[in-house]
């Protein structure tokens, strides 16, 4: 597989919870932390979303106490960077051969559109089966739930993975708003539910927003 030195980042197109009136969307730091590490390592980053077009941002990810984490505030005030979220490419328009790795960001929006997207599931399967890196953080592993390989087996069956825990949903006061428990869904598929950063071959997952930088560093390390 020829190297492209390009990484594909997937973000949500959903801006609100279906059952309640809360706004949601991309958790900005999960994009910026990964993006900065990847670009500093010499990789070009393409941002794609489920529907394409503008990307909704989770308003809580823009709080001052959160924005100051690992330089997200600098990216938020960087017009050139933020303009990249105005008109993203749709997952249906992505060619796997153009990239070395895929990274699934979080934010609660992904719980409503990641694992419902057949195009994304097919894309992830192709990334993995062609020897590329598949990575995700926080709620991003929602995109892995229904990914089936050509063997007929789920991608995550028997693998060590992690993601946003139910206890964290309760602490975030979103237990009544989310459509399902990511932790329970992963356990139903038969995987241990680990914490922080988990690397299982070319499958790399992080538990929460604070893990995005570590996921990026692991992806870069594998590609090196």
N, C-alpha and C. Protein backbone atom coordinates (compact mmCIF):
# COMPACT_ATOMS: atom_id res chain seq x y z
N UNK A 1 0.83 -1.20 0.00
CA UNK A 1 0.00 0.00 0.00
C UNK A 1 0.87 1.25 0.00
N UNK A 2 0.82 2.06 -1.04
CA UNK A 2 1.63 3.28 -1.09
C UNK A 2 1.16 4.30 -0.06
N UNK A 3 2.11 4.98 0.56
CA UNK A 3 1.78 5.99 1.56
C UNK A 3 1.27 7.26 0.89
N UNK A 4 0.28 7.89 1.50
CA UNK A 4 -0.28 9.14 0.98
C UNK A 4 0.06 10.33 1.86
N UNK A 5 0.42 10.04 3.14
CA UNK A 5 0.64 11.09 4.14
C UNK A 5 -0.60 11.96 4.32
N UNK A 6 -1.75 11.33 4.21
CA UNK A 6 -3.02 12.02 4.42
C UNK A 6 -3.88 11.21 5.38
N UNK A 7 -4.60 11.91 6.25
CA UNK A 7 -5.48 11.28 7.23
C UNK A 7 -6.88 11.85 7.06
N UNK A 8 -7.88 10.97 7.12
CA UNK A 8 -9.28 11.37 7.00
C UNK A 8 -9.92 11.45 8.38
N UNK A 9 -10.51 12.60 8.69
CA UNK A 9 -11.21 12.79 9.95
C UNK A 9 -12.71 12.88 9.67
N UNK A 10 -13.50 12.10 10.41
CA UNK A 10 -14.95 12.09 10.23
C UNK A 10 -15.62 12.81 11.40
N UNK A 11 -16.56 13.71 11.08
CA UNK A 11 -17.30 14.44 12.10
C UNK A 11 -18.80 14.29 11.86
N UNK A 12 -19.58 14.65 12.86
CA UNK A 12 -21.03 14.50 12.79
C UNK A 12 -21.68 15.60 11.96
N UNK A 13 -22.88 15.32 11.50
CA UNK A 13 -23.72 16.33 10.85
C UNK A 13 -24.95 16.66 11.70
N UNK A 14 -25.05 16.04 12.87
CA UNK A 14 -26.23 16.18 13.73
C UNK A 14 -26.00 17.25 14.80
N UNK A 15 -26.93 18.20 14.89
CA UNK A 15 -26.75 19.32 15.79
C UNK A 15 -27.66 19.36 17.00
N UNK A 16 -28.51 18.33 17.19
CA UNK A 16 -29.37 18.32 18.36
C UNK A 16 -29.75 16.90 18.74
N UNK A 17 -30.11 16.72 20.01
CA UNK A 17 -30.60 15.44 20.48
C UNK A 17 -32.02 15.23 19.97
N UNK A 18 -32.37 14.00 19.67
CA UNK A 18 -33.69 13.74 19.11
C UNK A 18 -34.79 13.81 20.17
N UNK A 19 -34.47 13.43 21.42
CA UNK A 19 -35.50 13.34 22.45
C UNK A 19 -35.68 14.63 23.26
N UNK A 20 -34.65 15.45 23.32
CA UNK A 20 -34.69 16.66 24.14
C UNK A 20 -34.20 17.84 23.32
N UNK A 21 -34.26 19.02 23.90
CA UNK A 21 -33.93 20.23 23.16
C UNK A 21 -32.48 20.65 23.20
N UNK A 22 -31.62 19.85 23.82
CA UNK A 22 -30.21 20.22 23.91
C UNK A 22 -29.59 20.31 22.52
N UNK A 23 -28.71 21.28 22.37
CA UNK A 23 -27.89 21.33 21.15
C UNK A 23 -26.69 20.41 21.33
N UNK A 24 -26.19 19.87 20.24
CA UNK A 24 -24.99 19.04 20.28
C UNK A 24 -24.24 19.22 18.97
N UNK A 25 -23.35 18.30 18.65
CA UNK A 25 -22.54 18.40 17.45
C UNK A 25 -21.15 17.88 17.71
N UNK A 26 -20.20 18.36 16.93
CA UNK A 26 -18.80 17.98 17.11
C UNK A 26 -18.25 18.56 18.41
N UNK A 27 -17.53 17.75 19.17
CA UNK A 27 -16.76 18.27 20.31
C UNK A 27 -15.44 18.79 19.74
N UNK A 28 -15.32 20.12 19.66
CA UNK A 28 -14.26 20.74 18.87
C UNK A 28 -12.86 20.26 19.23
N UNK A 29 -12.57 20.11 20.51
CA UNK A 29 -11.22 19.69 20.92
C UNK A 29 -10.82 18.33 20.40
N UNK A 30 -11.81 17.45 20.17
CA UNK A 30 -11.48 16.12 19.66
C UNK A 30 -11.02 16.18 18.21
N UNK A 31 -11.38 17.25 17.53
CA UNK A 31 -10.84 17.51 16.20
C UNK A 31 -9.50 18.23 16.28
N UNK A 32 -9.44 19.31 17.04
CA UNK A 32 -8.24 20.15 17.04
C UNK A 32 -7.03 19.42 17.63
N UNK A 33 -7.23 18.68 18.71
CA UNK A 33 -6.10 17.97 19.32
C UNK A 33 -5.49 16.97 18.36
N UNK A 34 -6.37 16.23 17.68
CA UNK A 34 -5.88 15.24 16.71
C UNK A 34 -5.24 15.93 15.52
N UNK A 35 -5.92 16.92 14.99
CA UNK A 35 -5.44 17.64 13.82
C UNK A 35 -4.05 18.22 14.04
N UNK A 36 -3.82 18.83 15.19
CA UNK A 36 -2.54 19.49 15.45
C UNK A 36 -1.39 18.49 15.49
N UNK A 37 -1.62 17.35 16.15
CA UNK A 37 -0.57 16.32 16.21
C UNK A 37 -0.28 15.77 14.82
N UNK A 38 -1.34 15.47 14.07
CA UNK A 38 -1.17 14.89 12.73
C UNK A 38 -0.45 15.86 11.80
N UNK A 39 -0.84 17.12 11.81
CA UNK A 39 -0.21 18.09 10.92
C UNK A 39 1.24 18.36 11.31
N UNK A 40 1.51 18.39 12.61
CA UNK A 40 2.88 18.59 13.06
C UNK A 40 3.78 17.42 12.65
N UNK A 41 3.18 16.26 12.47
CA UNK A 41 3.93 15.07 12.06
C UNK A 41 4.05 14.99 10.53
N UNK A 42 3.51 15.98 9.83
CA UNK A 42 3.65 16.03 8.38
C UNK A 42 2.50 15.45 7.58
N UNK A 43 1.36 15.17 8.23
CA UNK A 43 0.22 14.61 7.53
C UNK A 43 -0.78 15.71 7.16
N UNK A 44 -1.35 15.60 5.99
CA UNK A 44 -2.46 16.46 5.59
C UNK A 44 -3.74 15.86 6.15
N UNK A 45 -4.63 16.71 6.65
CA UNK A 45 -5.88 16.25 7.26
C UNK A 45 -7.07 16.73 6.45
N UNK A 46 -7.92 15.78 6.06
CA UNK A 46 -9.18 16.11 5.38
C UNK A 46 -10.33 15.87 6.36
N UNK A 47 -11.24 16.84 6.47
CA UNK A 47 -12.40 16.70 7.35
C UNK A 47 -13.62 16.38 6.51
N UNK A 48 -14.25 15.25 6.82
CA UNK A 48 -15.48 14.84 6.13
C UNK A 48 -16.58 14.66 7.17
N UNK A 49 -17.82 14.85 6.74
CA UNK A 49 -18.96 14.65 7.64
C UNK A 49 -19.96 13.70 6.99
N UNK A 50 -20.94 13.28 7.76
CA UNK A 50 -21.90 12.30 7.25
C UNK A 50 -22.67 12.86 6.05
N UNK A 51 -23.16 14.07 6.15
CA UNK A 51 -23.95 14.65 5.08
C UNK A 51 -23.16 15.61 4.20
N UNK A 52 -21.97 16.01 4.64
CA UNK A 52 -21.24 17.05 3.93
C UNK A 52 -21.78 18.41 4.32
N UNK A 53 -21.08 19.46 3.92
CA UNK A 53 -21.54 20.81 4.24
C UNK A 53 -21.08 21.27 5.61
N UNK A 54 -21.84 22.18 6.25
CA UNK A 54 -21.42 22.76 7.53
C UNK A 54 -21.50 21.76 8.68
N UNK A 55 -20.62 21.94 9.66
CA UNK A 55 -20.54 21.04 10.82
C UNK A 55 -21.05 21.76 12.06
N UNK A 56 -22.06 21.20 12.74
CA UNK A 56 -22.52 21.80 14.00
C UNK A 56 -21.52 21.54 15.11
N UNK A 57 -21.37 22.51 16.01
CA UNK A 57 -20.46 22.37 17.13
C UNK A 57 -21.24 22.24 18.43
N UNK A 58 -20.81 21.33 19.28
CA UNK A 58 -21.43 21.20 20.60
C UNK A 58 -21.10 22.47 21.39
N UNK A 59 -22.11 23.23 21.83
CA UNK A 59 -21.83 24.49 22.52
C UNK A 59 -21.01 24.32 23.79
N UNK A 60 -21.14 23.17 24.45
CA UNK A 60 -20.37 22.97 25.68
C UNK A 60 -18.88 22.81 25.39
N UNK A 61 -18.55 22.41 24.18
CA UNK A 61 -17.13 22.28 23.83
C UNK A 61 -16.49 23.63 23.57
N UNK A 62 -17.30 24.70 23.57
CA UNK A 62 -16.80 26.04 23.32
C UNK A 62 -16.68 26.87 24.60
N UNK A 63 -16.98 26.25 25.74
CA UNK A 63 -16.85 26.96 27.01
C UNK A 63 -15.38 27.34 27.25
N UNK A 64 -15.17 28.46 27.92
CA UNK A 64 -13.80 28.94 28.12
C UNK A 64 -12.93 27.92 28.86
N UNK A 65 -13.51 27.23 29.82
CA UNK A 65 -12.74 26.25 30.58
C UNK A 65 -12.32 25.07 29.73
N UNK A 66 -13.07 24.83 28.64
CA UNK A 66 -12.76 23.71 27.75
C UNK A 66 -11.86 24.16 26.60
N UNK A 67 -12.13 25.34 26.06
CA UNK A 67 -11.36 25.83 24.91
C UNK A 67 -9.88 25.98 25.22
N UNK A 68 -9.55 26.30 26.46
CA UNK A 68 -8.14 26.50 26.81
C UNK A 68 -7.34 25.22 26.86
N UNK A 69 -7.99 24.08 26.70
CA UNK A 69 -7.33 22.78 26.80
C UNK A 69 -6.53 22.48 25.53
N UNK A 70 -5.22 22.38 25.65
CA UNK A 70 -4.33 21.98 24.55
C UNK A 70 -4.48 22.86 23.30
N UNK A 71 -4.75 24.15 23.52
CA UNK A 71 -4.73 25.08 22.41
C UNK A 71 -5.97 25.12 21.54
N UNK A 72 -7.08 24.52 21.98
CA UNK A 72 -8.30 24.57 21.18
C UNK A 72 -8.77 26.01 20.98
N UNK A 73 -8.54 26.87 21.98
CA UNK A 73 -8.95 28.27 21.86
C UNK A 73 -8.26 28.96 20.70
N UNK A 74 -7.00 28.61 20.45
CA UNK A 74 -6.27 29.21 19.32
C UNK A 74 -6.87 28.78 17.99
N UNK A 75 -7.28 27.54 17.91
CA UNK A 75 -7.91 27.06 16.68
C UNK A 75 -9.28 27.71 16.49
N UNK A 76 -10.01 27.91 17.58
CA UNK A 76 -11.35 28.48 17.50
C UNK A 76 -11.30 29.93 17.00
N UNK A 77 -10.21 30.63 17.28
CA UNK A 77 -10.06 32.00 16.81
C UNK A 77 -9.29 32.08 15.49
N UNK A 78 -8.96 30.92 14.93
CA UNK A 78 -8.25 30.85 13.65
C UNK A 78 -9.29 30.72 12.53
N UNK A 79 -9.58 31.82 11.86
CA UNK A 79 -10.64 31.81 10.86
C UNK A 79 -10.37 30.79 9.76
N UNK A 80 -9.13 30.68 9.32
CA UNK A 80 -8.81 29.75 8.24
C UNK A 80 -9.13 28.32 8.65
N UNK A 81 -8.81 27.98 9.89
CA UNK A 81 -9.11 26.63 10.37
C UNK A 81 -10.61 26.42 10.50
N UNK A 82 -11.31 27.35 11.14
CA UNK A 82 -12.74 27.18 11.37
C UNK A 82 -13.53 27.18 10.06
N UNK A 83 -13.02 27.87 9.05
CA UNK A 83 -13.70 27.86 7.75
C UNK A 83 -13.71 26.47 7.12
N UNK A 84 -12.80 25.60 7.57
CA UNK A 84 -12.79 24.23 7.05
C UNK A 84 -14.04 23.47 7.47
N UNK A 85 -14.75 23.97 8.48
CA UNK A 85 -15.96 23.32 8.97
C UNK A 85 -17.22 23.86 8.31
N UNK A 86 -17.06 24.80 7.40
CA UNK A 86 -18.22 25.39 6.74
C UNK A 86 -18.72 24.55 5.57
N UNK A 87 -17.84 23.81 4.94
CA UNK A 87 -18.24 23.07 3.73
C UNK A 87 -17.40 21.79 3.62
N UNK A 88 -17.71 20.83 4.47
CA UNK A 88 -16.95 19.58 4.47
C UNK A 88 -17.44 18.64 3.37
N UNK A 89 -16.59 17.72 2.99
CA UNK A 89 -16.95 16.71 2.01
C UNK A 89 -17.81 15.65 2.69
N UNK A 90 -18.73 15.03 1.96
CA UNK A 90 -19.57 13.96 2.51
C UNK A 90 -18.82 12.64 2.45
N UNK A 91 -19.13 11.74 3.38
CA UNK A 91 -18.44 10.45 3.42
C UNK A 91 -18.64 9.67 2.13
N UNK A 92 -19.73 9.90 1.43
CA UNK A 92 -20.00 9.19 0.18
C UNK A 92 -19.05 9.62 -0.94
N UNK A 93 -18.35 10.72 -0.75
CA UNK A 93 -17.47 11.25 -1.78
C UNK A 93 -16.00 10.95 -1.50
N UNK A 94 -15.73 10.15 -0.49
CA UNK A 94 -14.36 9.88 -0.06
C UNK A 94 -13.81 8.63 -0.75
N UNK A 95 -12.55 8.69 -1.16
CA UNK A 95 -11.85 7.55 -1.74
C UNK A 95 -10.82 7.05 -0.74
N UNK A 96 -10.98 5.80 -0.31
CA UNK A 96 -10.08 5.22 0.69
C UNK A 96 -8.63 5.29 0.26
N UNK A 97 -8.37 5.11 -1.01
CA UNK A 97 -6.99 5.08 -1.51
C UNK A 97 -6.24 6.39 -1.32
N UNK A 98 -6.97 7.45 -0.98
CA UNK A 98 -6.34 8.76 -0.80
C UNK A 98 -5.77 8.96 0.59
N UNK A 99 -5.96 7.97 1.49
CA UNK A 99 -5.61 8.18 2.90
C UNK A 99 -4.89 6.98 3.51
N UNK A 100 -4.14 7.27 4.57
CA UNK A 100 -3.44 6.23 5.32
C UNK A 100 -4.21 5.78 6.55
N UNK A 101 -5.10 6.64 7.05
CA UNK A 101 -5.81 6.34 8.30
C UNK A 101 -7.12 7.11 8.33
N UNK A 102 -8.05 6.60 9.14
CA UNK A 102 -9.31 7.28 9.39
C UNK A 102 -9.46 7.49 10.90
N UNK A 103 -10.01 8.64 11.27
CA UNK A 103 -10.20 8.98 12.68
C UNK A 103 -11.62 9.47 12.88
N UNK A 104 -12.34 8.86 13.82
CA UNK A 104 -13.73 9.22 14.10
C UNK A 104 -13.78 10.08 15.35
N UNK A 105 -14.18 11.35 15.19
CA UNK A 105 -14.31 12.24 16.33
C UNK A 105 -15.59 11.91 17.10
N UNK A 106 -15.75 12.58 18.23
CA UNK A 106 -16.95 12.39 19.03
C UNK A 106 -17.80 13.64 19.10
N UNK A 107 -18.38 13.85 20.28
CA UNK A 107 -19.48 14.78 20.43
C UNK A 107 -20.74 13.94 20.34
N UNK A 108 -21.76 14.27 21.12
CA UNK A 108 -22.94 13.41 21.17
C UNK A 108 -23.67 13.29 19.84
N UNK A 109 -23.44 14.23 18.92
CA UNK A 109 -24.10 14.14 17.62
C UNK A 109 -23.84 12.83 16.90
N UNK A 110 -22.67 12.26 17.09
CA UNK A 110 -22.32 11.03 16.36
C UNK A 110 -23.17 9.85 16.78
N UNK A 111 -23.79 9.92 17.98
CA UNK A 111 -24.64 8.82 18.42
C UNK A 111 -25.88 8.70 17.55
N UNK A 112 -26.21 9.77 16.83
CA UNK A 112 -27.42 9.79 16.02
C UNK A 112 -27.15 9.56 14.53
N UNK A 113 -25.90 9.74 14.08
CA UNK A 113 -25.70 9.57 12.63
C UNK A 113 -24.50 8.72 12.22
N UNK A 114 -23.61 8.37 13.15
CA UNK A 114 -22.46 7.56 12.74
C UNK A 114 -22.86 6.13 12.40
N UNK A 115 -23.46 5.43 13.37
CA UNK A 115 -23.72 4.00 13.11
C UNK A 115 -24.97 3.79 12.26
N UNK A 116 -25.68 4.87 11.93
CA UNK A 116 -26.79 4.74 10.99
C UNK A 116 -26.35 4.95 9.55
N UNK A 117 -25.08 5.27 9.35
CA UNK A 117 -24.58 5.58 8.00
C UNK A 117 -23.93 4.34 7.37
N UNK A 118 -24.61 3.75 6.40
CA UNK A 118 -24.05 2.60 5.68
C UNK A 118 -22.79 3.00 4.95
N UNK A 119 -22.76 4.24 4.43
CA UNK A 119 -21.58 4.71 3.70
C UNK A 119 -20.36 4.76 4.62
N UNK A 120 -20.56 5.22 5.86
CA UNK A 120 -19.44 5.27 6.80
C UNK A 120 -18.99 3.87 7.19
N UNK A 121 -19.94 2.97 7.43
CA UNK A 121 -19.58 1.60 7.80
C UNK A 121 -18.77 0.93 6.69
N UNK A 122 -19.18 1.12 5.45
CA UNK A 122 -18.45 0.55 4.32
C UNK A 122 -17.06 1.15 4.22
N UNK A 123 -16.97 2.45 4.45
CA UNK A 123 -15.69 3.15 4.40
C UNK A 123 -14.72 2.62 5.45
N UNK A 124 -15.21 2.47 6.67
CA UNK A 124 -14.36 1.98 7.76
C UNK A 124 -13.88 0.56 7.47
N UNK A 125 -14.77 -0.30 7.00
CA UNK A 125 -14.40 -1.67 6.68
C UNK A 125 -13.30 -1.70 5.62
N UNK A 126 -13.42 -0.86 4.61
CA UNK A 126 -12.43 -0.81 3.54
C UNK A 126 -11.09 -0.30 4.06
N UNK A 127 -11.13 0.69 4.95
CA UNK A 127 -9.88 1.17 5.55
C UNK A 127 -9.16 0.01 6.25
N UNK A 128 -9.91 -0.71 7.06
CA UNK A 128 -9.29 -1.78 7.84
C UNK A 128 -8.80 -2.92 6.96
N UNK A 129 -9.61 -3.34 5.99
CA UNK A 129 -9.26 -4.51 5.19
C UNK A 129 -8.19 -4.22 4.15
N UNK A 130 -7.86 -2.97 3.94
CA UNK A 130 -6.76 -2.63 3.03
C UNK A 130 -5.50 -2.28 3.79
N UNK A 131 -5.46 -2.62 5.08
CA UNK A 131 -4.24 -2.45 5.86
C UNK A 131 -4.03 -1.07 6.44
N UNK A 132 -5.10 -0.26 6.47
CA UNK A 132 -4.99 1.10 6.99
C UNK A 132 -5.39 1.17 8.47
N UNK A 133 -5.10 2.31 9.09
CA UNK A 133 -5.40 2.51 10.50
C UNK A 133 -6.84 2.98 10.67
N UNK A 134 -7.55 2.40 11.64
CA UNK A 134 -8.88 2.85 12.03
C UNK A 134 -8.80 3.32 13.47
N UNK A 135 -9.19 4.57 13.71
CA UNK A 135 -9.10 5.13 15.07
C UNK A 135 -10.34 5.93 15.40
N UNK A 136 -10.60 6.09 16.71
CA UNK A 136 -11.79 6.80 17.16
C UNK A 136 -11.58 7.25 18.60
N UNK A 137 -12.35 8.27 19.01
CA UNK A 137 -12.24 8.74 20.39
C UNK A 137 -13.62 9.06 20.94
N UNK A 138 -13.78 8.89 22.25
CA UNK A 138 -14.97 9.29 22.99
C UNK A 138 -16.22 8.62 22.43
N UNK A 139 -17.15 9.36 21.82
CA UNK A 139 -18.33 8.75 21.20
C UNK A 139 -18.06 8.29 19.78
N UNK A 140 -16.89 8.59 19.24
CA UNK A 140 -16.54 8.18 17.89
C UNK A 140 -16.70 6.69 17.64
N UNK A 141 -16.41 5.82 18.63
CA UNK A 141 -16.60 4.38 18.42
C UNK A 141 -18.03 3.98 18.09
N UNK A 142 -19.00 4.89 18.21
CA UNK A 142 -20.36 4.59 17.74
C UNK A 142 -20.32 4.19 16.26
N UNK A 143 -19.37 4.75 15.53
CA UNK A 143 -19.24 4.44 14.12
C UNK A 143 -18.73 3.04 13.85
N UNK A 144 -18.21 2.38 14.88
CA UNK A 144 -17.67 1.03 14.73
C UNK A 144 -18.71 -0.05 15.02
N UNK A 145 -19.83 0.33 15.64
CA UNK A 145 -20.77 -0.66 16.18
C UNK A 145 -21.29 -1.63 15.13
N UNK A 146 -21.61 -1.16 13.93
CA UNK A 146 -22.22 -2.02 12.93
C UNK A 146 -21.31 -2.30 11.73
N UNK A 147 -20.02 -2.04 11.90
CA UNK A 147 -19.08 -2.30 10.80
C UNK A 147 -18.83 -3.80 10.68
N UNK A 148 -19.11 -4.34 9.50
CA UNK A 148 -18.92 -5.77 9.25
C UNK A 148 -17.85 -5.96 8.18
N UNK A 149 -16.92 -6.86 8.44
CA UNK A 149 -15.86 -7.15 7.48
C UNK A 149 -16.36 -8.12 6.42
N UNK A 150 -15.58 -8.33 5.38
CA UNK A 150 -16.00 -9.22 4.28
C UNK A 150 -16.17 -10.66 4.75
N UNK A 151 -15.56 -10.99 5.89
CA UNK A 151 -15.72 -12.33 6.46
C UNK A 151 -17.09 -12.52 7.09
N UNK A 152 -17.82 -11.41 7.26
CA UNK A 152 -19.12 -11.48 7.92
C UNK A 152 -19.05 -11.19 9.40
N UNK A 153 -17.82 -11.05 9.92
CA UNK A 153 -17.63 -10.78 11.34
C UNK A 153 -17.62 -9.28 11.62
N UNK A 154 -18.15 -8.85 12.78
CA UNK A 154 -18.05 -7.44 13.16
C UNK A 154 -16.58 -7.04 13.33
N UNK A 155 -16.24 -5.84 12.93
CA UNK A 155 -14.87 -5.35 13.06
C UNK A 155 -14.38 -5.44 14.50
N UNK A 156 -15.24 -5.10 15.46
CA UNK A 156 -14.79 -5.00 16.85
C UNK A 156 -14.98 -6.29 17.64
N UNK A 157 -15.50 -7.34 17.02
CA UNK A 157 -15.72 -8.59 17.74
C UNK A 157 -14.40 -9.14 18.28
N UNK A 158 -14.37 -9.33 19.60
CA UNK A 158 -13.19 -9.89 20.24
C UNK A 158 -12.02 -8.94 20.35
N UNK A 159 -12.23 -7.66 20.01
CA UNK A 159 -11.14 -6.68 20.05
C UNK A 159 -11.21 -5.88 21.35
N UNK A 160 -10.08 -5.34 21.75
CA UNK A 160 -10.03 -4.45 22.90
C UNK A 160 -10.28 -3.02 22.42
N UNK A 161 -11.35 -2.42 22.91
CA UNK A 161 -11.71 -1.07 22.51
C UNK A 161 -12.16 -0.27 23.73
N UNK A 162 -12.33 1.03 23.54
CA UNK A 162 -12.85 1.87 24.60
C UNK A 162 -13.71 2.96 23.99
N UNK A 163 -14.36 3.73 24.83
CA UNK A 163 -15.22 4.82 24.38
C UNK A 163 -15.84 5.48 25.60
N UNK A 164 -16.74 6.41 25.38
CA UNK A 164 -17.36 7.15 26.48
C UNK A 164 -18.20 6.22 27.33
N UNK A 165 -17.93 6.17 28.62
CA UNK A 165 -18.61 5.22 29.50
C UNK A 165 -19.97 5.75 29.96
N UNK A 166 -20.81 4.82 30.45
CA UNK A 166 -22.12 5.23 30.93
C UNK A 166 -21.99 6.12 32.16
N UNK A 167 -21.00 5.87 32.99
CA UNK A 167 -20.79 6.73 34.16
C UNK A 167 -20.47 8.16 33.72
N UNK A 168 -19.72 8.29 32.64
CA UNK A 168 -19.43 9.62 32.13
C UNK A 168 -20.67 10.29 31.55
N UNK A 169 -21.56 9.51 30.96
CA UNK A 169 -22.83 10.07 30.48
C UNK A 169 -23.63 10.63 31.66
N UNK A 170 -23.63 9.89 32.74
CA UNK A 170 -24.36 10.35 33.93
C UNK A 170 -23.75 11.62 34.49
N UNK A 171 -22.43 11.67 34.55
CA UNK A 171 -21.75 12.86 35.05
C UNK A 171 -21.96 14.06 34.13
N UNK A 172 -22.11 13.81 32.84
CA UNK A 172 -22.36 14.88 31.88
C UNK A 172 -23.84 15.26 31.82
N UNK A 173 -24.68 14.57 32.62
CA UNK A 173 -26.12 14.80 32.67
C UNK A 173 -26.78 14.61 31.30
N UNK A 174 -26.34 13.57 30.62
CA UNK A 174 -26.91 13.25 29.31
C UNK A 174 -27.48 11.84 29.25
N UNK A 175 -27.57 11.16 30.40
CA UNK A 175 -28.06 9.78 30.41
C UNK A 175 -29.49 9.67 29.90
N UNK A 176 -30.31 10.69 30.13
CA UNK A 176 -31.70 10.64 29.69
C UNK A 176 -31.87 11.14 28.26
N UNK A 177 -30.80 11.69 27.68
CA UNK A 177 -30.91 12.30 26.36
C UNK A 177 -30.33 11.43 25.25
N UNK A 178 -29.38 10.57 25.58
CA UNK A 178 -28.73 9.78 24.54
C UNK A 178 -29.60 8.60 24.12
N UNK A 179 -29.49 8.15 22.88
CA UNK A 179 -30.37 7.08 22.39
C UNK A 179 -29.98 5.69 22.86
N UNK A 180 -28.77 5.52 23.36
CA UNK A 180 -28.31 4.21 23.83
C UNK A 180 -27.02 4.41 24.61
N UNK A 181 -26.59 3.37 25.29
CA UNK A 181 -25.32 3.39 26.00
C UNK A 181 -24.23 2.79 25.10
N UNK A 182 -23.25 3.61 24.74
CA UNK A 182 -22.15 3.10 23.93
C UNK A 182 -21.43 1.98 24.65
N UNK A 183 -21.24 2.13 25.95
CA UNK A 183 -20.57 1.09 26.73
C UNK A 183 -21.31 -0.23 26.64
N UNK A 184 -22.63 -0.19 26.82
CA UNK A 184 -23.42 -1.43 26.76
C UNK A 184 -23.40 -2.05 25.37
N UNK A 185 -23.50 -1.21 24.33
CA UNK A 185 -23.51 -1.73 22.97
C UNK A 185 -22.20 -2.44 22.65
N UNK A 186 -21.09 -1.86 23.09
CA UNK A 186 -19.79 -2.50 22.84
C UNK A 186 -19.68 -3.81 23.61
N UNK A 187 -20.15 -3.82 24.84
CA UNK A 187 -20.08 -5.04 25.63
C UNK A 187 -20.96 -6.14 25.03
N UNK A 188 -22.09 -5.76 24.44
CA UNK A 188 -22.95 -6.74 23.80
C UNK A 188 -22.26 -7.43 22.62
N UNK A 189 -21.34 -6.70 22.01
CA UNK A 189 -20.60 -7.29 20.89
C UNK A 189 -19.47 -8.19 21.37
N UNK A 190 -19.24 -8.19 22.68
CA UNK A 190 -18.31 -9.17 23.23
C UNK A 190 -16.91 -8.66 23.48
N UNK A 191 -16.72 -7.32 23.51
CA UNK A 191 -15.38 -6.83 23.77
C UNK A 191 -15.26 -6.34 25.21
N UNK A 192 -14.06 -6.46 25.78
CA UNK A 192 -13.81 -5.81 27.07
C UNK A 192 -13.89 -4.30 26.86
N UNK A 193 -14.34 -3.59 27.86
CA UNK A 193 -14.45 -2.14 27.76
C UNK A 193 -13.34 -1.51 28.60
N UNK A 194 -12.30 -1.09 27.93
CA UNK A 194 -11.14 -0.54 28.63
C UNK A 194 -11.27 0.97 28.79
N UNK A 195 -10.24 1.58 29.39
CA UNK A 195 -10.27 3.01 29.66
C UNK A 195 -9.10 3.72 28.98
N UNK A 196 -9.24 5.03 28.84
CA UNK A 196 -8.19 5.88 28.29
C UNK A 196 -7.86 5.53 26.83
N UNK A 197 -6.63 5.07 26.56
CA UNK A 197 -6.22 4.73 25.19
C UNK A 197 -6.05 3.22 25.07
N UNK A 198 -6.64 2.65 24.01
CA UNK A 198 -6.51 1.22 23.77
C UNK A 198 -6.04 1.00 22.34
N UNK A 199 -4.96 0.26 22.18
CA UNK A 199 -4.45 -0.09 20.86
C UNK A 199 -4.56 -1.59 20.67
N UNK A 200 -5.27 -2.01 19.64
CA UNK A 200 -5.40 -3.42 19.30
C UNK A 200 -5.05 -3.54 17.82
N UNK A 201 -3.77 -3.71 17.55
CA UNK A 201 -3.32 -3.74 16.17
C UNK A 201 -3.57 -2.40 15.49
N UNK A 202 -4.27 -2.44 14.35
CA UNK A 202 -4.56 -1.20 13.61
C UNK A 202 -5.87 -0.56 14.05
N UNK A 203 -6.45 -1.02 15.16
CA UNK A 203 -7.65 -0.42 15.72
C UNK A 203 -7.27 0.33 17.00
N UNK A 204 -7.44 1.65 16.98
CA UNK A 204 -7.00 2.51 18.08
C UNK A 204 -8.18 3.33 18.57
N UNK A 205 -8.48 3.25 19.89
CA UNK A 205 -9.61 3.98 20.43
C UNK A 205 -9.23 4.69 21.73
N UNK A 206 -9.89 5.83 21.97
CA UNK A 206 -9.68 6.59 23.20
C UNK A 206 -11.00 6.82 23.90
N UNK A 207 -10.97 6.95 25.22
CA UNK A 207 -12.22 6.95 26.00
C UNK A 207 -12.99 8.26 25.98
N UNK A 208 -12.30 9.38 26.06
CA UNK A 208 -12.99 10.65 26.26
C UNK A 208 -12.25 11.79 25.56
N UNK A 209 -12.77 13.03 25.60
CA UNK A 209 -12.11 14.13 24.88
C UNK A 209 -10.63 14.30 25.23
N UNK A 210 -10.27 14.02 26.46
CA UNK A 210 -8.87 14.17 26.86
C UNK A 210 -7.94 13.16 26.19
N UNK A 211 -8.53 12.15 25.56
CA UNK A 211 -7.73 11.10 24.93
C UNK A 211 -7.42 11.37 23.46
N UNK A 212 -7.96 12.44 22.89
CA UNK A 212 -7.80 12.69 21.45
C UNK A 212 -6.34 12.86 21.06
N UNK A 213 -5.58 13.58 21.86
CA UNK A 213 -4.16 13.79 21.55
C UNK A 213 -3.41 12.46 21.58
N UNK A 214 -3.72 11.63 22.57
CA UNK A 214 -3.06 10.33 22.68
C UNK A 214 -3.41 9.43 21.50
N UNK A 215 -4.65 9.49 21.04
CA UNK A 215 -5.05 8.72 19.86
C UNK A 215 -4.25 9.17 18.65
N UNK A 216 -4.14 10.48 18.47
CA UNK A 216 -3.37 11.03 17.35
C UNK A 216 -1.92 10.58 17.40
N UNK A 217 -1.33 10.62 18.58
CA UNK A 217 0.07 10.22 18.72
C UNK A 217 0.24 8.73 18.40
N UNK A 218 -0.75 7.92 18.77
CA UNK A 218 -0.68 6.48 18.46
C UNK A 218 -0.81 6.25 16.97
N UNK A 219 -1.72 6.98 16.31
CA UNK A 219 -1.88 6.84 14.85
C UNK A 219 -0.59 7.21 14.14
N UNK A 220 0.00 8.35 14.53
CA UNK A 220 1.25 8.79 13.91
C UNK A 220 2.36 7.78 14.14
N UNK A 221 2.41 7.21 15.34
CA UNK A 221 3.43 6.22 15.65
C UNK A 221 3.27 4.98 14.79
N UNK A 222 2.06 4.51 14.60
CA UNK A 222 1.82 3.34 13.76
C UNK A 222 2.19 3.61 12.31
N UNK A 223 1.87 4.80 11.82
CA UNK A 223 2.16 5.13 10.44
C UNK A 223 3.65 5.32 10.21
N UNK A 224 4.36 5.66 11.27
CA UNK A 224 5.80 5.86 11.13
C UNK A 224 6.55 4.53 11.02
